[in-house]
PDB file of N, CA and C in Angstrom:
ATOM      1  N   MET A   1     106.631  75.128 107.322  1.00  0.00           N
ATOM      2  CA  MET A   1     106.049  74.011 106.935  1.00  0.00           C
ATOM      3  C   MET A   1     104.540  73.818 106.625  1.00  0.00           C
ATOM      4  N   GLU A   2     104.367  73.237 105.549  1.00  0.00           N
ATOM      5  CA  GLU A   2     102.877  72.935 105.154  1.00  0.00           C
ATOM      6  C   GLU A   2     102.409  71.333 105.644  1.00  0.00           C
ATOM      7  N   THR A   3     101.315  71.389 106.032  1.00  0.00           N
ATOM      8  CA  THR A   3     100.760  70.266 106.171  1.00  0.00           C
ATOM      9  C   THR A   3      99.308  70.302 105.968  1.00  0.00           C
ATOM     10  N   ILE A   4      98.881  69.121 105.472  1.00  0.00           N
ATOM     11  CA  ILE A   4      97.494  68.670 105.059  1.00  0.00           C
ATOM     12  C   ILE A   4      96.707  67.885 105.930  1.00  0.00           C
ATOM     13  N   SER A   5      95.669  68.725 106.617  1.00  0.00           N
ATOM     14  CA  SER A   5      94.772  68.363 107.481  1.00  0.00           C
ATOM     15  C   SER A   5      93.276  68.112 107.109  1.00  0.00           C
ATOM     16  N   GLU A   6      92.803  66.824 107.016  1.00  0.00           N
ATOM     17  CA  GLU A   6      91.510  66.679 106.174  1.00  0.00           C
ATOM     18  C   GLU A   6      91.064  67.360 105.203  1.00  0.00           C
ATOM     19  N   GLY A   7      92.103  67.354 104.158  1.00  0.00           N
ATOM     20  CA  GLY A   7      91.870  67.829 102.766  1.00  0.00           C
ATOM     21  C   GLY A   7      92.171  69.531 102.734  1.00  0.00           C
ATOM     22  N   LEU A   8      92.730  70.217 103.702  1.00  0.00           N
ATOM     23  CA  LEU A   8      93.030  71.309 103.804  1.00  0.00           C
ATOM     24  C   LEU A   8      94.584  71.920 104.044  1.00  0.00           C
ATOM     25  N   LEU A   9      94.903  72.899 103.397  1.00  0.00           N
ATOM     26  CA  LEU A   9      96.254  72.822 102.895  1.00  0.00           C
ATOM     27  C   LEU A   9      96.642  74.098 104.016  1.00  0.00           C
ATOM     28  N   SER A  10      97.635  74.146 105.021  1.00  0.00           N
ATOM     29  CA  SER A  10      97.733  75.166 105.773  1.00  0.00           C
ATOM     30  C   SER A  10      99.328  75.576 106.080  1.00  0.00           C
ATOM     31  N   LEU A  11      99.683  76.511 106.180  1.00  0.00           N
ATOM     32  CA  LEU A  11     101.282  77.102 106.215  1.00  0.00           C
ATOM     33  C   LEU A  11     101.174  77.716 107.473  1.00  0.00           C
ATOM     34  N   GLN A  12     101.881  77.081 108.524  1.00  0.00           N
ATOM     35  CA  GLN A  12     102.477  77.480 109.774  1.00  0.00           C
ATOM     36  C   GLN A  12     103.385  78.507 109.815  1.00  0.00           C
ATOM     37  N   THR A  13     103.608  79.610 110.572  1.00  0.00           N
ATOM     38  CA  THR A  13     104.532  80.250 110.435  1.00  0.00           C
ATOM     39  C   THR A  13     104.917  81.013 111.835  1.00  0.00           C
ATOM     40  N   VAL A  14     105.622  81.616 112.405  1.00  0.00           N
ATOM     41  CA  VAL A  14     106.296  82.302 113.612  1.00  0.00           C
ATOM     42  C   VAL A  14     106.471  83.554 113.182  1.00  0.00           C
ATOM     43  N   ILE A  15     105.722  84.526 114.349  1.00  0.00           N
ATOM     44  CA  ILE A  15     105.838  85.924 114.242  1.00  0.00           C
ATOM     45  C   ILE A  15     107.305  86.309 114.645  1.00  0.00           C
ATOM     46  N   THR A  16     108.129  87.167 114.145  1.00  0.00           N
ATOM     47  CA  THR A  16     109.229  87.416 114.360  1.00  0.00           C
ATOM     48  C   THR A  16     109.536  89.105 115.085  1.00  0.00           C
ATOM     49  N   CYS A  17     108.376  89.807 114.831  1.00  0.00           N
ATOM     50  CA  CYS A  17     108.524  90.969 115.372  1.00  0.00           C
ATOM     51  C   CYS A  17     107.212  91.600 115.346  1.00  0.00           C
ATOM     52  N   LEU A  18     106.689  92.589 116.300  1.00  0.00           N
ATOM     53  CA  LEU A  18     105.446  93.113 116.257  1.00  0.00           C
ATOM     54  C   LEU A  18     105.852  94.765 116.570  1.00  0.00           C
ATOM     55  N   ALA A  19     104.856  95.662 115.746  1.00  0.00           N
ATOM     56  CA  ALA A  19     104.749  97.103 116.135  1.00  0.00           C
ATOM     57  C   ALA A  19     103.313  97.467 115.917  1.00  0.00           C
ATOM     58  N   THR A  20     103.163  98.778 116.448  1.00  0.00           N
ATOM     59  CA  THR A  20     101.834  99.355 116.207  1.00  0.00           C
ATOM     60  C   THR A  20     101.844 100.559 115.420  1.00  0.00           C
ATOM     61  N   LEU A  21     100.794 100.868 115.020  1.00  0.00           N
ATOM     62  CA  LEU A  21     101.005 102.255 113.714  1.00  0.00           C
ATOM     63  C   LEU A  21      99.342 102.692 114.003  1.00  0.00           C
ATOM     64  N   LYS A  22      99.409 104.038 114.640  1.00  0.00           N
ATOM     65  CA  LYS A  22      98.191 104.792 115.039  1.00  0.00           C
ATOM     66  C   LYS A  22      97.143 104.813 113.521  1.00  0.00           C
ATOM     67  N   LYS A  23      96.310 104.580 113.900  1.00  0.00           N
ATOM     68  CA  LYS A  23      95.233 104.260 112.814  1.00  0.00           C
ATOM     69  C   LYS A  23      95.132 105.769 111.936  1.00  0.00           C
ATOM     70  N   SER A  24      94.171 106.756 112.887  1.00  0.00           N
ATOM     71  CA  SER A  24      94.024 107.835 112.343  1.00  0.00           C
ATOM     72  C   SER A  24      94.759 109.144 112.637  1.00  0.00           C
ATOM     73  N   MET A  25      94.831 109.132 114.054  1.00  0.00           N
ATOM     74  CA  MET A  25      95.317 110.415 114.884  1.00  0.00           C
ATOM     75  C   MET A  25      96.613 109.907 115.502  1.00  0.00           C
ATOM     76  N   SER A  26      97.462 111.007 115.859  1.00  0.00           N
ATOM     77  CA  SER A  26      98.816 110.948 116.197  1.00  0.00           C
ATOM     78  C   SER A  26      98.687 110.774 118.078  1.00  0.00           C
ATOM     79  N   GLU A  27      97.664 111.175 118.713  1.00  0.00           N
ATOM     80  CA  GLU A  27      97.371 111.087 119.789  1.00  0.00           C
ATOM     81  C   GLU A  27      98.063 109.941 120.623  1.00  0.00           C
ATOM     82  N   ASP A  28      98.109 109.916 121.695  1.00  0.00           N
ATOM     83  CA  ASP A  28      98.771 108.719 122.481  1.00  0.00           C
ATOM     84  C   ASP A  28      97.633 107.464 122.845  1.00  0.00           C
ATOM     85  N   ASP A  29      96.563 108.009 122.879  1.00  0.00           N
ATOM     86  CA  ASP A  29      95.264 107.155 123.078  1.00  0.00           C
ATOM     87  C   ASP A  29      94.260 106.733 121.922  1.00  0.00           C
ATOM     88  N   ALA A  30      95.169 106.877 120.699  1.00  0.00           N
ATOM     89  CA  ALA A  30      94.526 106.853 119.485  1.00  0.00           C
ATOM     90  C   ALA A  30      94.616 105.417 119.072  1.00  0.00           C
ATOM     91  N   ILE A  31      93.398 104.761 118.522  1.00  0.00           N
ATOM     92  CA  ILE A  31      93.540 103.387 117.813  1.00  0.00           C
ATOM     93  C   ILE A  31      94.603 103.107 117.202  1.00  0.00           C
ATOM     94  N   SER A  32      95.300 101.735 117.545  1.00  0.00           N
ATOM     95  CA  SER A  32      96.393 101.581 116.746  1.00  0.00           C
ATOM     96  C   SER A  32      96.189 100.254 115.829  1.00  0.00           C
ATOM     97  N   CYS A  33      96.720 100.241 114.425  1.00  0.00           N
ATOM     98  CA  CYS A  33      97.021  98.742 113.913  1.00  0.00           C
ATOM     99  C   CYS A  33      98.096  98.154 114.448  1.00  0.00           C
ATOM    100  N   LEU A  34      97.998  96.823 114.300  1.00  0.00           N
ATOM    101  CA  LEU A  34      99.025  96.020 114.598  1.00  0.00           C
ATOM    102  C   LEU A  34      99.594  95.394 113.407  1.00  0.00           C
ATOM    103  N   ILE A  35     101.064  95.740 113.465  1.00  0.00           N
ATOM    104  CA  ILE A  35     101.832  95.299 112.542  1.00  0.00           C
ATOM    105  C   ILE A  35     102.553  94.071 112.899  1.00  0.00           C
ATOM    106  N   LEU A  36     102.677  92.897 111.880  1.00  0.00           N
ATOM    107  CA  LEU A  36     103.237  91.601 112.341  1.00  0.00           C
ATOM    108  C   LEU A  36     104.101  91.376 111.421  1.00  0.00           C
ATOM    109  N   GLY A  37     105.644  90.938 111.819  1.00  0.00           N
ATOM    110  CA  GLY A  37     106.537  90.357 110.693  1.00  0.00           C
ATOM    111  C   GLY A  37     106.706  88.667 111.269  1.00  0.00           C
ATOM    112  N   THR A  38     106.638  87.940 110.104  1.00  0.00           N
ATOM    113  CA  THR A  38     106.913  86.606 110.286  1.00  0.00           C
ATOM    114  C   THR A  38     108.070  85.968 109.613  1.00  0.00           C
ATOM    115  N   GLU A  39     108.452  84.478 110.091  1.00  0.00           N
ATOM    116  CA  GLU A  39     109.671  84.075 109.078  1.00  0.00           C
ATOM    117  C   GLU A  39     109.612  83.782 107.921  1.00  0.00           C
ATOM    118  N   SER A  40     108.113  84.119 107.742  1.00  0.00           N
ATOM    119  CA  SER A  40     108.235  83.600 105.933  1.00  0.00           C
ATOM    120  C   SER A  40     108.210  84.734 105.206  1.00  0.00           C
ATOM    121  N   SER A  41     108.754  86.264 105.998  1.00  0.00           N
ATOM    122  CA  SER A  41     108.953  87.118 105.312  1.00  0.00           C
ATOM    123  C   SER A  41     107.871  87.780 104.857  1.00  0.00           C
ATOM    124  N   GLN A  42     106.618  87.931 105.511  1.00  0.00           N
ATOM    125  CA  GLN A  42     105.430  88.148 105.072  1.00  0.00           C
ATOM    126  C   GLN A  42     105.125  89.576 106.533  1.00  0.00           C
ATOM    127  N   VAL A  43     104.952  90.595 106.125  1.00  0.00           N
ATOM    128  CA  VAL A  43     103.948  91.509 106.672  1.00  0.00           C
ATOM    129  C   VAL A  43     102.704  91.829 106.865  1.00  0.00           C
ATOM    130  N   TYR A  44     101.975  91.879 107.975  1.00  0.00           N
ATOM    131  CA  TYR A  44     100.624  91.868 108.079  1.00  0.00           C
ATOM    132  C   TYR A  44     100.272  93.175 108.709  1.00  0.00           C
ATOM    133  N   VAL A  45      99.166  93.879 108.200  1.00  0.00           N
ATOM    134  CA  VAL A  45      98.244  94.889 109.048  1.00  0.00           C
ATOM    135  C   VAL A  45      97.403  94.430 109.228  1.00  0.00           C
ATOM    136  N   LEU A  46      97.074  94.306 110.696  1.00  0.00           N
ATOM    137  CA  LEU A  46      95.768  93.616 111.397  1.00  0.00           C
ATOM    138  C   LEU A  46      94.865  95.121 111.651  1.00  0.00           C
ATOM    139  N   ASP A  47      93.626  95.008 111.337  1.00  0.00           N
ATOM    140  CA  ASP A  47      92.628  95.770 111.850  1.00  0.00           C
ATOM    141  C   ASP A  47      92.492  96.091 113.078  1.00  0.00           C
ATOM    142  N   PRO A  48      92.315  96.662 114.275  1.00  0.00           N
ATOM    143  CA  PRO A  48      92.537  96.823 115.258  1.00  0.00           C
ATOM    144  C   PRO A  48      90.840  96.397 115.888  1.00  0.00           C
ATOM    145  N   GLU A  49      90.038  96.791 115.484  1.00  0.00           N
ATOM    146  CA  GLU A  49      88.681  96.370 116.081  1.00  0.00           C
ATOM    147  C   GLU A  49      88.137  95.029 115.816  1.00  0.00           C
ATOM    148  N   ALA A  50      88.532  94.310 114.265  1.00  0.00           N
ATOM    149  CA  ALA A  50      88.211  93.320 113.888  1.00  0.00           C
ATOM    150  C   ALA A  50      89.142  92.030 113.770  1.00  0.00           C
ATOM    151  N   PHE A  51      90.264  92.596 113.961  1.00  0.00           N
ATOM    152  CA  PHE A  51      91.435  91.611 114.015  1.00  0.00           C
ATOM    153  C   PHE A  51      91.671  90.929 112.832  1.00  0.00           C
ATOM    154  N   THR A  52      91.155  91.235 111.441  1.00  0.00           N
ATOM    155  CA  THR A  52      91.209  91.244 110.242  1.00  0.00           C
ATOM    156  C   THR A  52      92.551  91.505 109.720  1.00  0.00           C
ATOM    157  N   VAL A  53      92.702  90.768 108.526  1.00  0.00           N
ATOM    158  CA  VAL A  53      94.264  91.322 107.804  1.00  0.00           C
ATOM    159  C   VAL A  53      93.706  92.498 106.923  1.00  0.00           C
ATOM    160  N   LEU A  54      94.175  93.621 107.003  1.00  0.00           N
ATOM    161  CA  LEU A  54      94.019  94.823 106.147  1.00  0.00           C
ATOM    162  C   LEU A  54      94.812  94.630 104.939  1.00  0.00           C
ATOM    163  N   THR A  55      95.993  94.273 105.197  1.00  0.00           N
ATOM    164  CA  THR A  55      97.021  93.944 104.073  1.00  0.00           C
ATOM    165  C   THR A  55      98.222  93.553 104.501  1.00  0.00           C
ATOM    166  N   THR A  56      98.616  92.803 103.293  1.00  0.00           N
ATOM    167  CA  THR A  56      99.693  91.989 103.450  1.00  0.00           C
ATOM    168  C   THR A  56     100.731  92.194 102.433  1.00  0.00           C
ATOM    169  N   VAL A  57     102.282  92.183 102.751  1.00  0.00           N
ATOM    170  CA  VAL A  57     103.365  92.666 102.181  1.00  0.00           C
ATOM    171  C   VAL A  57     104.455  91.675 102.219  1.00  0.00           C
ATOM    172  N   ARG A  58     105.025  91.308 100.959  1.00  0.00           N
ATOM    173  CA  ARG A  58     105.880  90.298 101.103  1.00  0.00           C
ATOM    174  C   ARG A  58     107.249  91.008 101.095  1.00  0.00           C
ATOM    175  N   SER A  59     108.360  90.663 101.951  1.00  0.00           N
ATOM    176  CA  SER A  59     109.399  91.096 102.184  1.00  0.00           C
ATOM    177  C   SER A  59     110.513  90.548 101.483  1.00  0.00           C
ATOM    178  N   SER A  60     111.475  91.131 101.112  1.00  0.00           N
ATOM    179  CA  SER A  60     112.748  90.443 100.605  1.00  0.00           C
ATOM    180  C   SER A  60     113.647  89.967 101.471  1.00  0.00           C
ATOM    181  N   VAL A  61     113.519  90.248 102.656  1.00  0.00           N
ATOM    182  CA  VAL A  61     114.420  90.059 103.857  1.00  0.00           C
ATOM    183  C   VAL A  61     113.308  89.536 104.978  1.00  0.00           C
ATOM    184  N   LEU A  62     114.179  88.672 105.983  1.00  0.00           N
ATOM    185  CA  LEU A  62     113.130  88.268 107.049  1.00  0.00           C
ATOM    186  C   LEU A  62     113.000  89.489 107.947  1.00  0.00           C
ATOM    187  N   PRO A  63     111.991  89.891 108.638  1.00  0.00           N
ATOM    188  CA  PRO A  63     111.775  91.053 109.460  1.00  0.00           C
ATOM    189  C   PRO A  63     111.907  90.495 110.574  1.00  0.00           C
ATOM    190  N   LEU A  64     113.011  91.252 111.194  1.00  0.00           N
ATOM    191  CA  LEU A  64     113.318  90.788 112.794  1.00  0.00           C
ATOM    192  C   LEU A  64     113.352  92.251 113.420  1.00  0.00           C
ATOM    193  N   ASN A  65     113.400  93.286 112.853  1.00  0.00           N
ATOM    194  CA  ASN A  65     113.018  94.371 113.584  1.00  0.00           C
ATOM    195  C   ASN A  65     112.268  95.266 112.730  1.00  0.00           C
ATOM    196  N   GLN A  66     111.270  95.972 113.480  1.00  0.00           N
ATOM    197  CA  GLN A  66     110.390  97.055 112.548  1.00  0.00           C
ATOM    198  C   GLN A  66     110.317  98.323 112.919  1.00  0.00           C
ATOM    199  N   ASN A  67     110.451  99.482 112.424  1.00  0.00           N
ATOM    200  CA  ASN A  67     109.925 100.832 112.612  1.00  0.00           C
ATOM    201  C   ASN A  67     109.237 101.297 111.683  1.00  0.00           C
ATOM    202  N   VAL A  68     107.876 101.620 112.513  1.00  0.00           N
ATOM    203  CA  VAL A  68     106.806 101.827 111.590  1.00  0.00           C
ATOM    204  C   VAL A  68     106.657 103.288 111.859  1.00  0.00           C
ATOM    205  N   THR A  69     106.553 104.085 110.755  1.00  0.00           N
ATOM    206  CA  THR A  69     106.131 105.437 110.797  1.00  0.00           C
ATOM    207  C   THR A  69     105.028 105.793 109.859  1.00  0.00           C
ATOM    208  N   CYS A  70     104.487 106.886 110.090  1.00  0.00           N
ATOM    209  CA  CYS A  70     103.462 107.118 108.865  1.00  0.00           C
ATOM    210  C   CYS A  70     103.599 108.732 108.285  1.00  0.00           C
TER     211      CYS A  70
END
């Protein structure tokens, strides 16, 4: 759903699934990136320290279930 508020265009979407991916080590206490799947078929990888988007991937299907491996 797109809305225009004060001249800014924004797109609101719903997160459909979450997963984590170890950033550099396979140890249990290693820092993990957060992987978000949305109902707009976007998959986002977030930086675990700054919570900024590292990368965005457009999926051809709605992400309802994620299995993240490296």
